[in-house]
Amino acid sequence: MNAPANTVQLQRRVRELKGKRNAVILAHNYQVPEIQDVADYVGDSLGLAYKARETNADVILFCGVHFMAETAKIVNPAKRVIIPDLEAGCSLADSCDADALAKWRAEHPGVTVVAYINCTAAVKAQTDIICTSGNAVKVVNSIPRNEQILFCPDENLGQWVMEQTGRKLILWPGVCHVHVKFTAESLAKLRAKHPGAKIVAHPECLPVVRSMADEVCSTEKMIAYCQESPSKTFIIVTESGMLHRLRKEVPGKEFIAGPTNTCSCNECEYMKKNTLEKCVTALENLSPEIALDEDIHRRALVPIERMLALGK
């Protein structure tokens, strides 16, 4: 299907401004299709972190949520990092307050803090090492087994990591409001309609949903799994923006959005705050711009670099 004329015009304008500003456009897998199609790189949090660190561009237009743009700024302090909508937040990041984490650390000296990248820069500054859903198991396994670990802020991802590593973790009580909407009941009904379909679920989902999946993995690893699987039909249990990339990179297969009890797909309203119009405005004005306190930047960089040093 051809894109509407207005979309094509906006995408052309984004590309023009990108060249004028010597900018790179990074987009998360959950962004709307028209933004994914104009991006230089589309990926998950881990891939985006690497691309942000590697870029030679003067400006990074980060099409994702606020904590992701902060991460890009942390690894590129000399570059201008802009975001289409400054209000593109994250319910999971909001569930872990930096002051509350600092208080917890003071009360539990000696505990290693592993933080999922889905947290604010101020929280990252309080941690020992960062992880993503794609490398959380690798990160936890890199820590000596005699060390106690607090895993924050996503308790569902933390539970999955415990299952994969056999380690007992202390879990921060936070969840992604999108992924906890998927239910066993809605998934069972959809599978009954598509009995041969493989279920692929994100580890932020509830344990009962993960238990129904044929594969539990990060969004990036979903691409490889669906490419390599002989199955022709997949139920994708994560934010529905992921289906656009899957359909582009894995042609000839059918991808069905994981349902909730109230709808046939599941969208993050924060991810969807970003639009092509806002991308144009951001590149024209070089704002909204991400700014970080110097001390927070310095301390947050350490756990991110520790993660990146482990490799992909």
Protein backbone atom coordinates (compact mmCIF):
# COMPACT_ATOMS: atom_id res chain seq x y z
CA MET A 1 0.00 0.00 0.00
CA ASN A 2 1.36 3.43 -0.97
CA ALA A 3 1.79 6.00 1.78
CA PRO A 4 -0.54 9.03 1.77
CA ALA A 5 0.82 12.07 -0.08
CA ASN A 6 1.15 14.06 3.13
CA THR A 7 3.22 11.28 4.71
CA VAL A 8 5.53 11.17 1.68
CA GLN A 9 5.98 14.96 1.82
CA LEU A 10 6.76 14.88 5.53
CA GLN A 11 9.24 12.04 5.09
CA ARG A 12 10.94 13.97 2.29
CA ARG A 13 11.19 17.02 4.55
CA VAL A 14 12.64 14.92 7.38
CA ARG A 15 15.32 13.57 5.03
CA GLU A 16 16.14 17.08 3.79
CA LEU A 17 16.52 18.39 7.32
CA LYS A 18 18.55 15.35 8.34
CA GLY A 19 21.12 16.21 5.66
CA LYS A 20 21.09 19.90 6.54
CA ARG A 21 21.65 19.21 10.24
CA ASN A 22 24.07 16.30 9.74
CA ALA A 23 21.68 14.29 11.86
CA VAL A 24 21.10 10.60 12.40
CA ILE A 25 17.60 9.29 13.09
CA LEU A 26 17.32 6.44 15.57
CA ALA A 27 13.92 4.82 16.08
CA HIS A 28 12.68 2.19 18.47
CA ASN A 29 10.78 -0.85 17.20
CA TYR A 30 7.58 0.52 18.77
CA GLN A 31 7.51 3.74 16.75
CA VAL A 32 4.79 4.33 14.15
CA PRO A 33 5.58 2.80 10.72
CA GLU A 34 6.09 6.13 8.95
CA ILE A 35 8.84 7.07 11.42
CA GLN A 36 10.47 3.64 11.22
CA ASP A 37 10.58 4.01 7.43
CA VAL A 38 12.50 7.28 7.57
CA ALA A 39 14.95 6.24 10.30
CA ASP A 40 18.60 5.38 9.72
CA TYR A 41 18.37 2.61 12.28
CA VAL A 42 15.42 0.83 13.86
CA GLY A 43 16.02 -1.48 16.79
CA ASP A 44 15.68 -2.37 20.44
CA SER A 45 17.24 -0.60 23.41
CA LEU A 46 20.55 -2.47 23.15
CA GLY A 47 20.99 -1.87 19.44
CA LEU A 48 20.03 1.78 19.81
CA ALA A 49 22.56 2.24 22.61
CA TYR A 50 25.33 0.93 20.38
CA LYS A 51 24.24 3.04 17.41
CA ALA A 52 24.06 6.14 19.59
CA ARG A 53 27.61 5.57 20.79
CA GLU A 54 28.96 4.84 17.29
CA THR A 55 27.43 7.72 15.33
CA ASN A 56 29.52 10.48 13.75
CA ALA A 57 26.51 12.74 13.26
CA ASP A 58 26.31 16.13 14.95
CA VAL A 59 22.66 15.67 15.92
CA ILE A 60 20.77 12.60 17.10
CA LEU A 61 17.02 12.65 16.56
CA PHE A 62 15.86 9.94 18.93
CA CYS A 63 12.43 8.61 18.10
CA GLY A 64 11.53 6.73 21.22
CA VAL A 65 10.71 7.60 24.79
CA HIS A 66 12.53 10.01 27.07
CA PHE A 67 14.81 7.58 28.92
CA MET A 68 16.12 6.27 25.58
CA ALA A 69 17.05 9.77 24.42
CA GLU A 70 18.75 10.31 27.79
CA THR A 71 20.83 7.18 27.19
CA ALA A 72 21.91 8.53 23.80
CA LYS A 73 22.96 11.79 25.48
CA ILE A 74 24.84 9.95 28.21
CA VAL A 75 27.03 8.14 25.68
CA ASN A 76 27.33 11.25 23.46
CA PRO A 77 27.66 14.25 25.77
CA ALA A 78 29.15 16.48 23.06
CA LYS A 79 26.35 15.84 20.58
CA ARG A 80 22.95 17.47 20.43
CA VAL A 81 20.23 14.91 21.20
CA ILE A 82 16.68 15.89 20.35
CA ILE A 83 13.38 14.04 20.71
CA PRO A 84 10.13 14.67 18.79
CA ASP A 85 8.01 14.94 21.95
CA LEU A 86 9.48 15.65 25.36
CA GLU A 87 6.35 14.18 26.96
CA ALA A 88 7.06 10.71 25.53
CA GLY A 89 7.62 9.10 28.90
CA CYS A 90 7.52 5.55 30.24
CA SER A 91 5.35 4.01 32.95
CA LEU A 92 8.11 1.55 33.82
CA ALA A 93 10.73 4.26 34.23
CA ASP A 94 8.26 6.19 36.40
CA SER A 95 7.92 3.20 38.72
CA CYS A 96 11.46 3.60 40.04
CA ASP A 97 12.27 6.91 41.71
CA ALA A 98 15.94 7.81 42.03
CA ASP A 99 15.58 9.03 45.63
CA ALA A 100 13.75 5.85 46.63
CA LEU A 101 16.49 3.74 45.04
CA ALA A 102 19.19 5.76 46.82
CA LYS A 103 17.40 5.20 50.12
CA TRP A 104 17.15 1.46 49.42
CA ARG A 105 20.85 1.26 48.61
CA ALA A 106 21.77 3.04 51.82
CA GLU A 107 19.73 0.48 53.76
CA HIS A 108 21.25 -2.49 51.87
CA PRO A 109 25.00 -1.87 51.54
CA GLY A 110 26.92 -4.38 49.48
CA VAL A 111 24.06 -5.34 47.17
CA THR A 112 24.84 -5.08 43.45
CA VAL A 113 22.20 -3.10 41.56
CA VAL A 114 21.35 -4.18 38.02
CA ALA A 115 19.02 -1.76 36.29
CA TYR A 116 17.04 -2.43 33.15
CA ILE A 117 17.78 0.34 30.67
CA ASN A 118 14.11 1.38 30.91
CA CYS A 119 14.83 3.84 33.73
CA THR A 120 15.77 7.50 34.07
CA ALA A 121 19.31 8.83 33.92
CA ALA A 122 19.05 9.67 37.63
CA VAL A 123 18.28 6.01 38.39
CA LYS A 124 21.08 4.80 36.12
CA ALA A 125 23.43 6.98 38.15
CA GLN A 126 22.52 4.94 41.25
CA THR A 127 23.29 1.55 39.70
CA ASP A 128 26.26 -0.76 39.16
CA ILE A 129 25.46 -2.05 35.67
CA ILE A 130 22.72 -1.56 33.09
CA CYS A 131 21.05 -4.29 31.05
CA THR A 132 18.46 -4.61 28.31
CA SER A 133 15.96 -7.40 27.72
CA GLY A 134 18.36 -8.68 25.08
CA ASN A 135 21.35 -9.04 27.39
CA ALA A 136 19.88 -9.20 30.92
CA VAL A 137 20.80 -12.87 31.35
CA LYS A 138 24.36 -12.20 30.17
CA VAL A 139 24.71 -9.23 32.52
CA VAL A 140 23.46 -11.15 35.57
CA ASN A 141 25.68 -14.12 34.74
CA SER A 142 28.68 -11.76 34.61
CA ILE A 143 28.24 -10.97 38.32
CA PRO A 144 29.87 -13.35 40.84
CA ARG A 145 27.31 -15.80 42.17
CA ASN A 146 28.07 -14.95 45.78
CA GLU A 147 26.86 -11.37 45.29
CA GLN A 148 23.31 -10.33 46.11
CA ILE A 149 21.57 -8.53 43.27
CA LEU A 150 18.74 -6.02 43.19
CA PHE A 151 17.08 -6.06 39.77
CA CYS A 152 15.10 -2.95 38.89
CA PRO A 153 12.69 -1.66 37.80
CA ASP A 154 10.83 -4.45 35.91
CA GLU A 155 9.85 -7.35 38.14
CA ASN A 156 8.55 -9.48 35.26
CA LEU A 157 11.82 -9.25 33.36
CA GLY A 158 13.59 -9.94 36.66
CA GLN A 159 11.51 -13.07 37.23
CA TRP A 160 12.36 -14.30 33.75
CA VAL A 161 16.07 -13.67 34.36
CA MET A 162 15.84 -15.72 37.55
CA GLU A 163 14.31 -18.57 35.54
CA GLN A 164 17.10 -18.40 32.97
CA THR A 165 20.01 -18.06 35.37
CA GLY A 166 18.84 -20.05 38.39
CA ARG A 167 19.78 -17.10 40.61
CA LYS A 168 17.73 -15.49 43.34
CA LEU A 169 17.27 -11.79 42.69
CA ILE A 170 15.71 -9.07 44.77
CA LEU A 171 13.07 -7.51 42.53
CA TRP A 172 11.94 -3.90 42.43
CA PRO A 173 8.11 -3.73 42.17
CA GLY A 174 7.74 -2.14 38.75
CA VAL A 175 6.00 -3.19 35.52
CA CYS A 176 5.43 -2.02 31.96
CA HIS A 177 1.78 -1.00 31.72
CA VAL A 178 1.64 -2.24 28.11
CA HIS A 179 3.04 -5.73 28.62
CA VAL A 180 0.98 -6.56 31.71
CA LYS A 181 -2.23 -6.04 29.71
CA PHE A 182 -1.63 -9.26 27.79
CA THR A 183 -3.59 -12.07 29.43
CA ALA A 184 -3.61 -15.86 29.23
CA GLU A 185 -7.32 -15.79 28.44
CA SER A 186 -7.04 -13.48 25.43
CA LEU A 187 -3.97 -15.31 24.16
CA ALA A 188 -5.65 -18.73 24.46
CA LYS A 189 -8.62 -17.50 22.41
CA LEU A 190 -6.36 -16.20 19.65
CA ARG A 191 -4.27 -19.35 19.57
CA ALA A 192 -7.47 -21.39 19.16
CA LYS A 193 -8.16 -19.41 15.99
CA HIS A 194 -4.59 -19.98 14.77
CA PRO A 195 -3.61 -23.40 16.16
CA GLY A 196 -0.40 -23.63 14.13
CA ALA A 197 0.91 -20.21 15.09
CA LYS A 198 4.03 -19.77 17.19
CA ILE A 199 3.66 -17.44 20.15
CA VAL A 200 6.60 -15.06 20.64
CA ALA A 201 6.48 -13.00 23.84
CA HIS A 202 8.56 -10.25 25.40
CA PRO A 203 9.98 -11.06 28.87
CA GLU A 204 8.21 -8.01 30.35
CA CYS A 205 4.98 -10.00 30.04
CA LEU A 206 3.39 -11.69 33.03
CA PRO A 207 4.74 -15.17 33.92
CA VAL A 208 1.50 -16.91 32.91
CA VAL A 209 1.73 -15.33 29.45
CA ARG A 210 5.41 -16.20 29.10
CA SER A 211 4.58 -19.81 29.99
CA MET A 212 2.32 -20.03 26.93
CA ALA A 213 4.98 -18.77 24.53
CA ASP A 214 7.08 -20.84 22.17
CA GLU A 215 9.82 -18.23 22.48
CA VAL A 216 10.47 -15.47 25.03
CA CYS A 217 12.96 -12.87 23.85
CA SER A 218 13.77 -9.23 23.21
CA THR A 219 12.28 -7.48 20.21
CA GLU A 220 15.55 -7.74 18.30
CA LYS A 221 15.76 -11.47 18.83
CA MET A 222 12.17 -11.80 17.61
CA ILE A 223 13.44 -10.96 14.13
CA ALA A 224 15.96 -13.80 14.10
CA TYR A 225 13.54 -16.30 15.64
CA CYS A 226 10.83 -15.61 13.07
CA GLN A 227 13.35 -15.71 10.21
CA GLU A 228 14.74 -19.06 11.30
CA SER A 229 11.50 -20.76 12.34
CA PRO A 230 9.80 -22.99 9.75
CA SER A 231 6.44 -21.69 10.98
CA LYS A 232 4.54 -19.32 8.69
CA THR A 233 2.34 -17.68 11.34
CA PHE A 234 3.36 -15.90 14.55
CA ILE A 235 1.47 -14.24 17.38
CA ILE A 236 3.68 -11.38 18.57
CA VAL A 237 3.12 -10.53 22.24
CA THR A 238 4.66 -7.12 22.59
CA GLU A 239 3.81 -3.53 21.60
CA SER A 240 2.18 -3.69 18.17
CA GLY A 241 4.70 -1.34 16.52
CA MET A 242 6.99 -4.35 16.29
CA LEU A 243 4.81 -5.92 13.59
CA HIS A 244 5.80 -3.31 10.98
CA ARG A 245 9.47 -4.22 11.17
CA LEU A 246 8.73 -7.94 11.21
CA ARG A 247 6.60 -7.67 8.08
CA LYS A 248 9.36 -5.72 6.30
CA GLU A 249 12.27 -7.95 7.31
CA VAL A 250 10.52 -11.32 7.32
CA PRO A 251 8.35 -11.25 4.18
CA GLY A 252 6.09 -14.14 3.29
CA LYS A 253 5.04 -14.85 6.86
CA GLU A 254 1.99 -13.75 8.83
CA PHE A 255 2.31 -11.73 12.02
CA ILE A 256 -0.64 -11.29 14.36
CA ALA A 257 -0.69 -8.76 17.20
CA GLY A 258 -0.98 -10.20 20.67
CA PRO A 259 -4.41 -9.27 22.10
CA THR A 260 -5.59 -7.99 25.46
CA ASN A 261 -8.98 -8.53 27.05
CA THR A 262 -10.20 -5.25 25.57
CA CYS A 263 -8.52 -4.94 22.16
CA SER A 264 -6.92 -6.95 19.38
CA CYS A 265 -3.55 -5.22 19.71
CA ASN A 266 -1.62 -3.28 22.32
CA GLU A 267 -0.06 0.15 21.85
CA CYS A 268 2.09 2.34 24.10
CA GLU A 269 0.56 5.80 24.10
CA TYR A 270 3.94 7.28 25.03
CA MET A 271 5.75 5.75 22.04
CA LYS A 272 2.94 6.95 19.81
CA LYS A 273 3.34 10.57 20.93
CA ASN A 274 6.09 10.89 18.34
CA THR A 275 4.87 11.80 14.85
CA LEU A 276 6.42 12.79 11.53
CA GLU A 277 5.19 16.35 12.04
CA LYS A 278 7.00 16.50 15.38
CA CYS A 279 10.14 15.05 13.76
CA VAL A 280 10.11 17.88 11.23
CA THR A 281 9.66 20.50 13.95
CA ALA A 282 12.40 18.98 16.09
CA LEU A 283 14.89 19.04 13.20
CA GLU A 284 13.89 22.57 12.18
CA ASN A 285 14.29 23.96 15.71
CA LEU A 286 16.83 21.46 17.11
CA SER A 287 14.51 21.02 20.07
CA PRO A 288 13.20 19.65 22.38
CA GLU A 289 16.77 18.94 23.40
CA ILE A 290 17.88 16.48 26.07
CA ALA A 291 19.96 18.10 28.81
CA LEU A 292 21.55 16.28 31.73
CA ASP A 293 23.06 17.34 35.02
CA GLU A 294 26.84 16.90 34.75
CA ASP A 295 27.10 14.75 37.89
CA ILE A 296 24.24 12.49 36.83
CA HIS A 297 25.78 12.14 33.39
CA ARG A 298 29.17 11.19 34.82
CA ARG A 299 27.75 8.57 37.19
CA ALA A 300 25.20 7.16 34.73
CA LEU A 301 27.84 6.62 32.07
CA VAL A 302 29.74 4.10 34.21
CA PRO A 303 27.05 1.35 34.38
CA ILE A 304 26.18 1.84 30.71
CA GLU A 305 29.81 1.44 29.65
CA ARG A 306 30.05 -1.68 31.80
CA MET A 307 27.12 -3.13 29.87
CA LEU A 308 28.50 -2.15 26.48
CA ALA A 309 31.89 -3.63 27.37
CA LEU A 310 30.23 -7.06 27.69
CA GLY A 311 29.45 -6.90 23.95
CA LYS A 312 26.33 -7.80 22.08
